[in-house]
Amino acid sequence: MKVDKNGMLVDGRILPRRFSNLEHGALNQINAIVVHQTDSATVQATFNSYNSADTGAHFLIAPEGMIYQTASIKCSCYHVGKLRSRCLVLGPKGCADAVAVKIAAMKTKASIKATLMNTHEQQKSYPERYPMNKDSLGIELVGKHLGGNTYDAVHNAQQYSLTWLVAELAGYFSLGTEDDVFRHPDVSIKNPGEAAAADWMPAGYPLPGSPK
């Protein structure tokens, strides 16, 4: 994988479609990748949203598998949201972070607790916390929210492209495809169905770099 001076990947599998309004300052350290779904049915609908938004990710994968780079990997994007407590994944009894446990137990509005937890978590270093905007890349899969916890199925072509892109980025930035790649709802307060079917290590897929 090659990266040009502007932080755009140079590969025939990736089409540049950069939206400068999605870029918010320098991204000096990349510790992880976060996988999303768009809640839109088409690439064009996502692009229309990006034209007037300040939130979005670095890459967009179409249902037919085409990969678009929508922001420079040298720039931070607003794609993560408010962080969950990684320590509390173990449960309050297994978490040694007394502050996180205290926030989780507070009897107040969920929105207030989420803000307090996010502020607390951002003071930590990765991997003690989940990845945030300032140290992660975002990959969006085109897929509509169908209601409840259900999203559009992830197409086979999207799975292939996601597998290839994650492997390429992980290799370039020395990330672990198991330890440093997350679904959006795992790290932030989002619909648990988002990207639930995404699989960047599916069995039977060609190795990265193999022809399609």
N, C-alpha and C. Protein backbone atom coordinates (compact mmCIF):
# COMPACT_ATOMS: atom_id res chain seq x y z
N MET A 1 0.84 -1.20 0.00
CA MET A 1 0.00 0.00 0.00
C MET A 1 0.87 1.24 0.00
N LYS A 2 0.55 2.20 -0.84
CA LYS A 2 1.27 3.46 -0.91
C LYS A 2 0.36 4.60 -0.45
N VAL A 3 0.96 5.59 0.17
CA VAL A 3 0.24 6.77 0.64
C VAL A 3 0.92 8.00 0.08
N ASP A 4 0.17 8.89 -0.56
CA ASP A 4 0.80 10.08 -1.13
C ASP A 4 0.99 11.16 -0.07
N LYS A 5 1.55 12.27 -0.45
CA LYS A 5 1.91 13.32 0.50
C LYS A 5 0.68 13.95 1.16
N ASN A 6 -0.49 13.76 0.56
CA ASN A 6 -1.71 14.32 1.12
C ASN A 6 -2.47 13.33 2.01
N GLY A 7 -1.88 12.15 2.21
CA GLY A 7 -2.54 11.15 3.05
C GLY A 7 -3.62 10.36 2.33
N MET A 8 -3.52 10.31 1.00
CA MET A 8 -4.48 9.54 0.21
C MET A 8 -3.81 8.25 -0.26
N LEU A 9 -4.52 7.13 -0.12
CA LEU A 9 -3.98 5.84 -0.52
C LEU A 9 -3.94 5.74 -2.04
N VAL A 10 -2.87 5.17 -2.54
CA VAL A 10 -2.69 5.02 -3.98
C VAL A 10 -2.82 3.53 -4.31
N ASP A 11 -3.97 3.15 -4.79
CA ASP A 11 -4.24 1.75 -5.14
C ASP A 11 -5.44 1.71 -6.06
N GLY A 12 -5.41 0.84 -7.05
CA GLY A 12 -6.50 0.76 -8.01
C GLY A 12 -7.82 0.34 -7.40
N ARG A 13 -7.80 -0.22 -6.19
CA ARG A 13 -9.04 -0.65 -5.54
C ARG A 13 -9.73 0.49 -4.80
N ILE A 14 -9.07 1.65 -4.72
CA ILE A 14 -9.61 2.76 -3.93
C ILE A 14 -9.79 3.98 -4.81
N LEU A 15 -10.98 4.56 -4.78
CA LEU A 15 -11.26 5.79 -5.52
C LEU A 15 -11.22 6.98 -4.56
N PRO A 16 -10.44 8.02 -4.87
CA PRO A 16 -10.43 9.20 -4.00
C PRO A 16 -11.69 10.03 -4.18
N ARG A 17 -12.34 10.32 -3.09
CA ARG A 17 -13.52 11.22 -3.09
C ARG A 17 -13.46 12.02 -1.78
N ARG A 18 -12.51 12.92 -1.71
CA ARG A 18 -12.17 13.60 -0.46
C ARG A 18 -13.13 14.73 -0.14
N PHE A 19 -13.60 14.75 1.11
CA PHE A 19 -14.46 15.82 1.62
C PHE A 19 -13.68 16.57 2.71
N SER A 20 -13.20 17.75 2.39
CA SER A 20 -12.36 18.49 3.34
C SER A 20 -13.13 18.87 4.60
N ASN A 21 -14.46 18.98 4.50
CA ASN A 21 -15.25 19.35 5.68
C ASN A 21 -15.31 18.23 6.72
N LEU A 22 -14.90 17.01 6.35
CA LEU A 22 -14.85 15.91 7.31
C LEU A 22 -13.54 15.88 8.09
N GLU A 23 -12.58 16.69 7.69
CA GLU A 23 -11.23 16.66 8.28
C GLU A 23 -11.08 17.74 9.34
N HIS A 24 -10.59 17.33 10.51
CA HIS A 24 -10.54 18.24 11.65
C HIS A 24 -9.20 18.14 12.37
N GLY A 25 -8.18 18.71 11.78
CA GLY A 25 -6.87 18.75 12.41
C GLY A 25 -6.05 17.51 12.13
N ALA A 26 -4.80 17.56 12.54
CA ALA A 26 -3.84 16.50 12.24
C ALA A 26 -4.13 15.23 13.02
N LEU A 27 -3.95 14.09 12.36
CA LEU A 27 -4.03 12.78 12.99
C LEU A 27 -2.60 12.24 13.06
N ASN A 28 -1.96 12.46 14.20
CA ASN A 28 -0.53 12.17 14.31
C ASN A 28 -0.22 10.75 14.76
N GLN A 29 -1.20 10.08 15.34
CA GLN A 29 -0.99 8.72 15.83
C GLN A 29 -2.22 7.88 15.50
N ILE A 30 -2.02 6.74 14.87
CA ILE A 30 -3.13 5.85 14.54
C ILE A 30 -2.95 4.56 15.31
N ASN A 31 -3.83 4.36 16.29
CA ASN A 31 -3.76 3.18 17.15
C ASN A 31 -4.79 2.12 16.82
N ALA A 32 -5.82 2.49 16.06
CA ALA A 32 -6.92 1.55 15.86
C ALA A 32 -7.77 1.95 14.66
N ILE A 33 -8.69 1.04 14.32
CA ILE A 33 -9.65 1.24 13.24
C ILE A 33 -11.04 0.98 13.80
N VAL A 34 -12.01 1.82 13.44
CA VAL A 34 -13.39 1.65 13.88
C VAL A 34 -14.27 1.44 12.65
N VAL A 35 -15.09 0.38 12.69
CA VAL A 35 -15.95 0.01 11.56
C VAL A 35 -17.38 0.44 11.84
N HIS A 36 -17.99 1.12 10.87
CA HIS A 36 -19.32 1.71 11.01
C HIS A 36 -20.25 1.21 9.91
N GLN A 37 -21.55 1.49 10.07
CA GLN A 37 -22.50 1.47 8.96
C GLN A 37 -23.15 2.85 8.88
N THR A 38 -23.55 3.22 7.67
CA THR A 38 -23.89 4.62 7.39
C THR A 38 -25.30 5.04 7.80
N ASP A 39 -26.23 4.10 7.85
CA ASP A 39 -27.67 4.39 7.92
C ASP A 39 -28.11 5.15 6.67
N SER A 40 -27.55 4.75 5.53
CA SER A 40 -28.01 5.23 4.23
C SER A 40 -27.96 4.05 3.27
N ALA A 41 -28.80 4.08 2.25
CA ALA A 41 -28.95 2.92 1.38
C ALA A 41 -27.98 2.90 0.21
N THR A 42 -27.42 4.07 -0.14
CA THR A 42 -26.57 4.17 -1.32
C THR A 42 -25.34 5.02 -1.04
N VAL A 43 -24.35 4.86 -1.90
CA VAL A 43 -23.15 5.70 -1.81
C VAL A 43 -23.52 7.16 -2.01
N GLN A 44 -24.36 7.45 -3.01
CA GLN A 44 -24.70 8.84 -3.30
C GLN A 44 -25.42 9.49 -2.13
N ALA A 45 -26.29 8.75 -1.46
CA ALA A 45 -26.97 9.31 -0.29
C ALA A 45 -25.97 9.67 0.80
N THR A 46 -24.94 8.84 0.96
CA THR A 46 -23.89 9.15 1.94
C THR A 46 -23.11 10.37 1.52
N PHE A 47 -22.76 10.45 0.25
CA PHE A 47 -22.04 11.63 -0.24
C PHE A 47 -22.87 12.89 -0.05
N ASN A 48 -24.16 12.81 -0.31
CA ASN A 48 -25.04 13.97 -0.12
C ASN A 48 -25.00 14.43 1.33
N SER A 49 -24.99 13.47 2.25
CA SER A 49 -24.89 13.80 3.67
C SER A 49 -23.55 14.43 3.99
N TYR A 50 -22.48 13.86 3.44
CA TYR A 50 -21.13 14.37 3.70
C TYR A 50 -20.96 15.80 3.21
N ASN A 51 -21.67 16.16 2.16
CA ASN A 51 -21.54 17.52 1.60
C ASN A 51 -21.92 18.60 2.60
N SER A 52 -22.78 18.26 3.56
CA SER A 52 -23.26 19.28 4.49
C SER A 52 -22.99 18.90 5.95
N ALA A 53 -22.08 17.96 6.17
CA ALA A 53 -21.82 17.47 7.53
C ALA A 53 -20.39 17.73 7.95
N ASP A 54 -20.15 17.65 9.26
CA ASP A 54 -18.77 17.68 9.74
C ASP A 54 -18.38 16.34 10.36
N THR A 55 -19.32 15.37 10.31
CA THR A 55 -19.04 14.03 10.81
C THR A 55 -18.96 13.05 9.65
N GLY A 56 -18.05 12.11 9.75
CA GLY A 56 -17.87 11.12 8.70
C GLY A 56 -16.58 10.36 8.94
N ALA A 57 -16.30 9.41 8.09
CA ALA A 57 -15.13 8.55 8.27
C ALA A 57 -14.15 8.71 7.12
N HIS A 58 -13.04 8.01 7.23
CA HIS A 58 -11.97 8.12 6.23
C HIS A 58 -12.25 7.32 4.97
N PHE A 59 -13.02 6.24 5.12
CA PHE A 59 -13.29 5.36 3.98
C PHE A 59 -14.77 4.98 3.96
N LEU A 60 -15.27 4.74 2.75
CA LEU A 60 -16.65 4.32 2.54
C LEU A 60 -16.63 3.13 1.59
N ILE A 61 -17.30 2.03 1.98
CA ILE A 61 -17.34 0.84 1.14
C ILE A 61 -18.77 0.63 0.63
N ALA A 62 -18.90 0.64 -0.68
CA ALA A 62 -20.21 0.52 -1.34
C ALA A 62 -20.72 -0.92 -1.28
N PRO A 63 -22.03 -1.12 -1.48
CA PRO A 63 -22.58 -2.49 -1.47
C PRO A 63 -21.89 -3.42 -2.46
N GLU A 64 -21.46 -2.88 -3.61
CA GLU A 64 -20.79 -3.73 -4.60
C GLU A 64 -19.30 -3.88 -4.33
N GLY A 65 -18.82 -3.29 -3.22
CA GLY A 65 -17.44 -3.49 -2.80
C GLY A 65 -16.46 -2.38 -3.14
N MET A 66 -16.88 -1.40 -3.94
CA MET A 66 -15.97 -0.30 -4.25
C MET A 66 -15.60 0.45 -2.98
N ILE A 67 -14.31 0.79 -2.85
CA ILE A 67 -13.82 1.54 -1.69
C ILE A 67 -13.56 2.98 -2.12
N TYR A 68 -14.12 3.93 -1.38
CA TYR A 68 -13.87 5.35 -1.60
C TYR A 68 -13.10 5.89 -0.40
N GLN A 69 -12.06 6.68 -0.65
CA GLN A 69 -11.41 7.37 0.45
C GLN A 69 -12.01 8.76 0.54
N THR A 70 -12.65 9.05 1.67
CA THR A 70 -13.40 10.28 1.81
C THR A 70 -12.70 11.33 2.68
N ALA A 71 -11.58 10.95 3.29
CA ALA A 71 -10.78 11.90 4.07
C ALA A 71 -9.34 11.40 4.12
N SER A 72 -8.44 12.33 4.27
CA SER A 72 -7.01 12.00 4.37
C SER A 72 -6.73 11.24 5.66
N ILE A 73 -5.85 10.24 5.59
CA ILE A 73 -5.47 9.52 6.81
C ILE A 73 -4.50 10.34 7.65
N LYS A 74 -4.15 11.52 7.18
CA LYS A 74 -3.33 12.43 8.00
C LYS A 74 -4.21 13.37 8.81
N CYS A 75 -5.54 13.25 8.65
CA CYS A 75 -6.46 14.15 9.34
C CYS A 75 -7.43 13.36 10.21
N SER A 76 -7.79 13.97 11.32
CA SER A 76 -8.77 13.37 12.22
C SER A 76 -10.17 13.60 11.68
N CYS A 77 -11.04 12.59 11.85
CA CYS A 77 -12.46 12.73 11.50
C CYS A 77 -13.30 12.55 12.76
N TYR A 78 -14.45 13.19 12.78
CA TYR A 78 -15.40 12.99 13.86
C TYR A 78 -16.25 11.76 13.53
N HIS A 79 -15.83 10.60 14.01
CA HIS A 79 -16.55 9.38 13.66
C HIS A 79 -16.82 8.48 14.86
N VAL A 80 -16.21 8.74 16.01
CA VAL A 80 -16.34 7.81 17.13
C VAL A 80 -17.50 8.15 18.05
N GLY A 81 -17.60 9.39 18.49
CA GLY A 81 -18.62 9.76 19.47
C GLY A 81 -18.10 9.60 20.89
N LYS A 82 -19.00 9.58 21.86
CA LYS A 82 -18.62 9.51 23.27
C LYS A 82 -18.18 8.10 23.64
N LEU A 83 -17.02 8.01 24.27
CA LEU A 83 -16.42 6.71 24.57
C LEU A 83 -17.12 5.98 25.71
N ARG A 84 -17.25 4.67 25.54
CA ARG A 84 -17.63 3.81 26.65
C ARG A 84 -16.39 3.55 27.52
N SER A 85 -16.60 3.02 28.71
CA SER A 85 -15.49 2.63 29.57
C SER A 85 -15.03 1.23 29.18
N ARG A 86 -13.80 1.12 28.74
CA ARG A 86 -13.27 -0.20 28.37
C ARG A 86 -13.10 -1.07 29.62
N CYS A 87 -12.73 -0.46 30.71
CA CYS A 87 -12.56 -1.18 31.96
C CYS A 87 -13.87 -1.85 32.39
N LEU A 88 -14.98 -1.16 32.21
CA LEU A 88 -16.26 -1.67 32.67
C LEU A 88 -16.80 -2.81 31.81
N VAL A 89 -16.14 -3.11 30.70
CA VAL A 89 -16.52 -4.28 29.93
C VAL A 89 -16.40 -5.52 30.80
N LEU A 90 -15.46 -5.50 31.75
CA LEU A 90 -15.27 -6.61 32.69
C LEU A 90 -16.38 -6.66 33.72
N GLY A 91 -17.16 -5.59 33.82
CA GLY A 91 -18.17 -5.47 34.86
C GLY A 91 -17.61 -4.69 36.04
N PRO A 92 -18.45 -4.01 36.78
CA PRO A 92 -17.98 -3.18 37.90
C PRO A 92 -17.09 -3.93 38.89
N LYS A 93 -17.37 -5.20 39.13
CA LYS A 93 -16.56 -5.95 40.11
C LYS A 93 -15.16 -6.25 39.59
N GLY A 94 -15.01 -6.28 38.28
CA GLY A 94 -13.69 -6.58 37.72
C GLY A 94 -12.92 -5.36 37.28
N CYS A 95 -13.50 -4.18 37.47
CA CYS A 95 -12.88 -2.94 37.01
C CYS A 95 -12.19 -2.23 38.16
N ALA A 96 -10.90 -1.94 37.98
CA ALA A 96 -10.13 -1.27 39.02
C ALA A 96 -10.20 0.25 38.91
N ASP A 97 -10.94 0.74 37.93
CA ASP A 97 -11.08 2.19 37.74
C ASP A 97 -12.23 2.69 38.60
N ALA A 98 -11.91 3.19 39.77
CA ALA A 98 -12.94 3.61 40.73
C ALA A 98 -13.79 4.75 40.19
N VAL A 99 -13.19 5.63 39.40
CA VAL A 99 -13.94 6.77 38.86
C VAL A 99 -14.99 6.27 37.87
N ALA A 100 -14.61 5.36 36.99
CA ALA A 100 -15.55 4.82 36.01
C ALA A 100 -16.70 4.09 36.71
N VAL A 101 -16.37 3.33 37.72
CA VAL A 101 -17.40 2.62 38.48
C VAL A 101 -18.36 3.60 39.13
N LYS A 102 -17.82 4.69 39.66
CA LYS A 102 -18.65 5.70 40.31
C LYS A 102 -19.57 6.38 39.31
N ILE A 103 -19.04 6.72 38.14
CA ILE A 103 -19.87 7.37 37.11
C ILE A 103 -20.99 6.43 36.67
N ALA A 104 -20.66 5.17 36.46
CA ALA A 104 -21.65 4.20 36.01
C ALA A 104 -22.78 4.03 37.02
N ALA A 105 -22.46 4.22 38.28
CA ALA A 105 -23.47 4.02 39.33
C ALA A 105 -24.27 5.27 39.65
N MET A 106 -23.92 6.39 39.05
CA MET A 106 -24.62 7.64 39.33
C MET A 106 -26.09 7.58 38.92
N LYS A 107 -26.94 8.16 39.74
CA LYS A 107 -28.37 8.22 39.43
C LYS A 107 -28.67 9.58 38.81
N THR A 108 -28.40 9.67 37.52
CA THR A 108 -28.62 10.91 36.79
C THR A 108 -28.95 10.55 35.35
N LYS A 109 -29.18 11.53 34.50
CA LYS A 109 -29.53 11.29 33.12
C LYS A 109 -28.42 10.53 32.39
N ALA A 110 -28.83 9.65 31.50
CA ALA A 110 -27.87 8.87 30.73
C ALA A 110 -26.93 9.77 29.93
N SER A 111 -27.45 10.87 29.42
CA SER A 111 -26.63 11.78 28.61
C SER A 111 -25.54 12.43 29.46
N ILE A 112 -25.85 12.75 30.71
CA ILE A 112 -24.85 13.34 31.60
C ILE A 112 -23.78 12.31 31.94
N LYS A 113 -24.21 11.09 32.24
CA LYS A 113 -23.25 10.02 32.55
C LYS A 113 -22.34 9.75 31.35
N ALA A 114 -22.91 9.78 30.15
CA ALA A 114 -22.11 9.53 28.95
C ALA A 114 -21.05 10.60 28.76
N THR A 115 -21.42 11.85 29.01
CA THR A 115 -20.46 12.95 28.88
C THR A 115 -19.35 12.85 29.91
N LEU A 116 -19.72 12.54 31.15
CA LEU A 116 -18.73 12.39 32.21
C LEU A 116 -17.78 11.22 31.92
N MET A 117 -18.33 10.11 31.46
CA MET A 117 -17.50 8.94 31.16
C MET A 117 -16.57 9.23 30.00
N ASN A 118 -17.07 9.89 28.98
CA ASN A 118 -16.24 10.24 27.83
C ASN A 118 -15.06 11.12 28.25
N THR A 119 -15.33 12.13 29.06
CA THR A 119 -14.26 13.03 29.53
C THR A 119 -13.23 12.25 30.33
N HIS A 120 -13.69 11.36 31.17
CA HIS A 120 -12.78 10.55 31.99
C HIS A 120 -11.94 9.62 31.11
N GLU A 121 -12.58 8.94 30.17
CA GLU A 121 -11.87 7.97 29.33
C GLU A 121 -10.82 8.64 28.44
N GLN A 122 -11.12 9.83 27.96
CA GLN A 122 -10.18 10.51 27.06
C GLN A 122 -8.89 10.92 27.74
N GLN A 123 -8.86 10.89 29.05
CA GLN A 123 -7.64 11.20 29.78
C GLN A 123 -6.68 10.02 29.80
N LYS A 124 -7.15 8.85 29.41
CA LYS A 124 -6.33 7.64 29.43
C LYS A 124 -5.57 7.48 28.12
N SER A 125 -4.59 6.60 28.14
CA SER A 125 -3.85 6.25 26.94
C SER A 125 -4.41 4.95 26.36
N TYR A 126 -4.37 4.85 25.06
CA TYR A 126 -4.73 3.60 24.40
C TYR A 126 -3.63 2.57 24.67
N PRO A 127 -3.96 1.31 24.99
CA PRO A 127 -5.25 0.65 24.91
C PRO A 127 -6.03 0.57 26.23
N GLU A 128 -5.68 1.39 27.22
CA GLU A 128 -6.50 1.41 28.44
C GLU A 128 -7.92 1.89 28.15
N ARG A 129 -8.05 2.69 27.12
CA ARG A 129 -9.37 3.16 26.69
C ARG A 129 -9.61 2.66 25.27
N TYR A 130 -10.83 2.86 24.79
CA TYR A 130 -11.15 2.56 23.41
C TYR A 130 -10.58 3.67 22.51
N PRO A 131 -10.44 3.40 21.21
CA PRO A 131 -9.93 4.44 20.31
C PRO A 131 -10.90 5.61 20.21
N MET A 132 -10.33 6.79 19.97
CA MET A 132 -11.15 7.99 19.80
C MET A 132 -10.76 8.69 18.50
N ASN A 133 -11.39 9.80 18.23
CA ASN A 133 -11.16 10.48 16.96
C ASN A 133 -9.69 10.80 16.72
N LYS A 134 -8.99 11.15 17.77
CA LYS A 134 -7.62 11.63 17.64
C LYS A 134 -6.59 10.53 17.40
N ASP A 135 -7.01 9.25 17.46
CA ASP A 135 -6.02 8.20 17.23
C ASP A 135 -6.59 7.00 16.47
N SER A 136 -7.61 7.24 15.65
CA SER A 136 -8.19 6.10 14.92
C SER A 136 -8.65 6.50 13.52
N LEU A 137 -8.73 5.50 12.65
CA LEU A 137 -9.31 5.65 11.33
C LEU A 137 -10.72 5.06 11.34
N GLY A 138 -11.61 5.63 10.53
CA GLY A 138 -12.97 5.13 10.43
C GLY A 138 -13.26 4.57 9.06
N ILE A 139 -13.94 3.42 9.03
CA ILE A 139 -14.38 2.80 7.78
C ILE A 139 -15.90 2.65 7.85
N GLU A 140 -16.60 3.25 6.90
CA GLU A 140 -18.06 3.14 6.83
C GLU A 140 -18.46 2.10 5.79
N LEU A 141 -19.42 1.25 6.13
CA LEU A 141 -20.06 0.35 5.18
C LEU A 141 -21.43 0.92 4.86
N VAL A 142 -21.75 1.08 3.58
CA VAL A 142 -23.09 1.56 3.22
C VAL A 142 -24.10 0.52 3.69
N GLY A 143 -25.05 0.94 4.52
CA GLY A 143 -26.05 0.02 5.05
C GLY A 143 -27.10 0.79 5.83
N LYS A 144 -28.35 0.53 5.55
CA LYS A 144 -29.47 1.26 6.15
C LYS A 144 -29.91 0.65 7.47
N HIS A 145 -30.23 1.50 8.43
CA HIS A 145 -30.84 1.05 9.67
C HIS A 145 -32.29 0.71 9.37
N LEU A 146 -32.68 -0.54 9.65
CA LEU A 146 -34.01 -1.02 9.28
C LEU A 146 -35.01 -0.96 10.42
N GLY A 147 -34.54 -0.57 11.60
CA GLY A 147 -35.41 -0.51 12.77
C GLY A 147 -34.90 -1.40 13.87
N GLY A 148 -35.12 -0.97 15.12
CA GLY A 148 -34.61 -1.74 16.24
C GLY A 148 -33.10 -1.85 16.18
N ASN A 149 -32.60 -3.07 16.33
CA ASN A 149 -31.16 -3.31 16.24
C ASN A 149 -30.75 -3.91 14.90
N THR A 150 -31.60 -3.76 13.89
CA THR A 150 -31.35 -4.40 12.60
C THR A 150 -30.89 -3.40 11.55
N TYR A 151 -29.81 -3.78 10.85
CA TYR A 151 -29.28 -3.00 9.73
C TYR A 151 -29.28 -3.86 8.48
N ASP A 152 -29.11 -3.23 7.32
CA ASP A 152 -28.93 -3.98 6.09
C ASP A 152 -27.84 -5.02 6.28
N ALA A 153 -27.99 -6.15 5.60
CA ALA A 153 -26.94 -7.16 5.61
C ALA A 153 -25.68 -6.60 4.96
N VAL A 154 -24.54 -7.03 5.44
CA VAL A 154 -23.27 -6.65 4.82
C VAL A 154 -23.05 -7.57 3.63
N HIS A 155 -22.94 -7.00 2.43
CA HIS A 155 -22.80 -7.79 1.21
C HIS A 155 -21.44 -8.49 1.17
N ASN A 156 -21.39 -9.61 0.46
CA ASN A 156 -20.13 -10.35 0.35
C ASN A 156 -19.02 -9.49 -0.22
N ALA A 157 -19.36 -8.66 -1.21
CA ALA A 157 -18.34 -7.79 -1.81
C ALA A 157 -17.83 -6.77 -0.79
N GLN A 158 -18.70 -6.29 0.08
CA GLN A 158 -18.27 -5.38 1.15
C GLN A 158 -17.35 -6.10 2.13
N GLN A 159 -17.70 -7.33 2.47
CA GLN A 159 -16.85 -8.10 3.38
C GLN A 159 -15.46 -8.28 2.80
N TYR A 160 -15.40 -8.60 1.52
CA TYR A 160 -14.09 -8.78 0.89
C TYR A 160 -13.28 -7.49 0.96
N SER A 161 -13.91 -6.39 0.56
CA SER A 161 -13.19 -5.11 0.54
C SER A 161 -12.79 -4.68 1.95
N LEU A 162 -13.67 -4.92 2.93
CA LEU A 162 -13.33 -4.59 4.31
C LEU A 162 -12.14 -5.42 4.78
N THR A 163 -12.16 -6.71 4.48
CA THR A 163 -11.05 -7.60 4.85
C THR A 163 -9.74 -7.10 4.27
N TRP A 164 -9.78 -6.77 2.98
CA TRP A 164 -8.56 -6.30 2.32
C TRP A 164 -8.09 -4.97 2.89
N LEU A 165 -9.01 -4.01 3.06
CA LEU A 165 -8.63 -2.68 3.52
C LEU A 165 -8.10 -2.72 4.95
N VAL A 166 -8.77 -3.46 5.83
CA VAL A 166 -8.29 -3.56 7.21
C VAL A 166 -6.91 -4.18 7.25
N ALA A 167 -6.70 -5.24 6.47
CA ALA A 167 -5.38 -5.88 6.45
C ALA A 167 -4.29 -4.93 5.95
N GLU A 168 -4.60 -4.17 4.91
CA GLU A 168 -3.63 -3.22 4.38
C GLU A 168 -3.29 -2.12 5.39
N LEU A 169 -4.32 -1.55 5.99
CA LEU A 169 -4.10 -0.48 6.97
C LEU A 169 -3.40 -1.02 8.22
N ALA A 170 -3.81 -2.21 8.67
CA ALA A 170 -3.18 -2.80 9.86
C ALA A 170 -1.72 -3.07 9.61
N GLY A 171 -1.39 -3.56 8.43
CA GLY A 171 0.01 -3.81 8.10
C GLY A 171 0.82 -2.52 8.02
N TYR A 172 0.24 -1.50 7.43
CA TYR A 172 0.94 -0.23 7.26
C TYR A 172 1.21 0.45 8.60
N PHE A 173 0.24 0.37 9.52
CA PHE A 173 0.36 1.07 10.80
C PHE A 173 0.71 0.13 11.96
N SER A 174 1.05 -1.11 11.66
CA SER A 174 1.43 -2.11 12.67
C SER A 174 0.33 -2.28 13.72
N LEU A 175 -0.89 -2.50 13.26
CA LEU A 175 -2.03 -2.74 14.13
C LEU A 175 -2.38 -4.22 14.11
N GLY A 176 -3.05 -4.67 15.16
CA GLY A 176 -3.54 -6.04 15.19
C GLY A 176 -4.95 -6.11 14.67
N THR A 177 -5.24 -7.02 13.73
CA THR A 177 -6.58 -7.10 13.17
C THR A 177 -7.60 -7.63 14.18
N GLU A 178 -7.14 -8.29 15.22
CA GLU A 178 -8.05 -8.75 16.28
C GLU A 178 -8.15 -7.74 17.42
N ASP A 179 -7.03 -7.16 17.82
CA ASP A 179 -7.00 -6.33 19.02
C ASP A 179 -7.25 -4.85 18.76
N ASP A 180 -7.01 -4.38 17.54
CA ASP A 180 -7.05 -2.94 17.28
C ASP A 180 -8.11 -2.53 16.26
N VAL A 181 -9.07 -3.41 15.99
CA VAL A 181 -10.18 -3.10 15.08
C VAL A 181 -11.47 -3.34 15.84
N PHE A 182 -12.37 -2.35 15.81
CA PHE A 182 -13.57 -2.38 16.65
C PHE A 182 -14.81 -2.01 15.84
N ARG A 183 -15.94 -2.58 16.21
CA ARG A 183 -17.22 -2.10 15.70
C ARG A 183 -17.61 -0.84 16.48
N HIS A 184 -18.29 0.07 15.81
CA HIS A 184 -18.64 1.35 16.41
C HIS A 184 -19.38 1.21 17.74
N PRO A 185 -20.39 0.33 17.84
CA PRO A 185 -21.13 0.24 19.11
C PRO A 185 -20.29 -0.30 20.27
N ASP A 186 -19.17 -0.96 19.96
CA ASP A 186 -18.31 -1.46 21.04
C ASP A 186 -17.60 -0.33 21.77
N VAL A 187 -17.28 0.74 21.04
CA VAL A 187 -16.46 1.80 21.63
C VAL A 187 -17.27 3.01 22.06
N SER A 188 -18.46 3.17 21.49
CA SER A 188 -19.25 4.36 21.73
C SER A 188 -20.71 3.99 21.93
N ILE A 189 -21.50 4.93 22.39
CA ILE A 189 -22.92 4.67 22.67
C ILE A 189 -23.70 4.80 21.37
N LYS A 190 -23.82 3.69 20.66
CA LYS A 190 -24.49 3.65 19.37
C LYS A 190 -25.42 2.45 19.33
N ASN A 191 -26.25 2.37 18.29
CA ASN A 191 -27.15 1.25 18.14
C ASN A 191 -26.34 -0.05 18.06
N PRO A 192 -26.62 -1.03 18.90
CA PRO A 192 -25.80 -2.24 18.93
C PRO A 192 -25.84 -3.05 17.64
N GLY A 193 -26.81 -2.78 16.78
CA GLY A 193 -26.88 -3.51 15.51
C GLY A 193 -25.96 -2.97 14.44
N GLU A 194 -25.41 -1.77 14.65
CA GLU A 194 -24.56 -1.17 13.63
C GLU A 194 -23.30 -1.99 13.40
N ALA A 195 -23.08 -2.39 12.15
CA ALA A 195 -21.89 -3.16 11.75
C ALA A 195 -21.78 -4.51 12.47
N ALA A 196 -22.90 -4.99 13.02
CA ALA A 196 -22.87 -6.25 13.77
C ALA A 196 -22.44 -7.42 12.88
N ALA A 197 -22.79 -7.36 11.60
CA ALA A 197 -22.45 -8.45 10.68
C ALA A 197 -21.11 -8.25 9.98
N ALA A 198 -20.45 -7.14 10.23
CA ALA A 198 -19.16 -6.88 9.58
C ALA A 198 -18.10 -7.85 10.09
N ASP A 199 -17.33 -8.39 9.18
CA ASP A 199 -16.29 -9.37 9.55
C ASP A 199 -15.05 -9.09 8.71
N TRP A 200 -14.00 -8.62 9.36
CA TRP A 200 -12.78 -8.29 8.63
C TRP A 200 -11.78 -9.44 8.65
N MET A 201 -12.18 -10.60 9.17
CA MET A 201 -11.31 -11.78 9.13
C MET A 201 -12.13 -13.03 8.75
N PRO A 202 -12.96 -12.95 7.71
CA PRO A 202 -13.80 -14.10 7.38
C PRO A 202 -13.00 -15.27 6.80
N ALA A 203 -13.37 -16.46 7.16
CA ALA A 203 -12.70 -17.64 6.63
C ALA A 203 -12.99 -17.80 5.15
N GLY A 204 -12.00 -18.24 4.40
CA GLY A 204 -12.20 -18.53 2.99
C GLY A 204 -11.95 -17.36 2.07
N TYR A 205 -11.63 -16.18 2.61
CA TYR A 205 -11.36 -15.05 1.73
C TYR A 205 -9.89 -15.08 1.32
N PRO A 206 -9.58 -14.57 0.10
CA PRO A 206 -8.20 -14.54 -0.34
C PRO A 206 -7.34 -13.69 0.58
N LEU A 207 -6.06 -13.98 0.63
CA LEU A 207 -5.15 -13.20 1.42
C LEU A 207 -5.05 -11.79 0.87
N PRO A 208 -4.75 -10.78 1.73
CA PRO A 208 -4.56 -9.42 1.23
C PRO A 208 -3.53 -9.37 0.12
N GLY A 209 -3.85 -8.62 -0.92
CA GLY A 209 -2.94 -8.51 -2.04
C GLY A 209 -3.25 -9.49 -3.16
N SER A 210 -4.10 -10.51 -2.88
CA SER A 210 -4.48 -11.46 -3.91
C SER A 210 -5.45 -10.80 -4.88
N PRO A 211 -5.46 -11.20 -6.12
CA PRO A 211 -6.41 -10.62 -7.07
C PRO A 211 -7.82 -11.03 -6.72
N LYS A 212 -8.78 -10.15 -7.02
CA LYS A 212 -10.18 -10.46 -6.75
C LYS A 212 -10.66 -11.58 -7.67
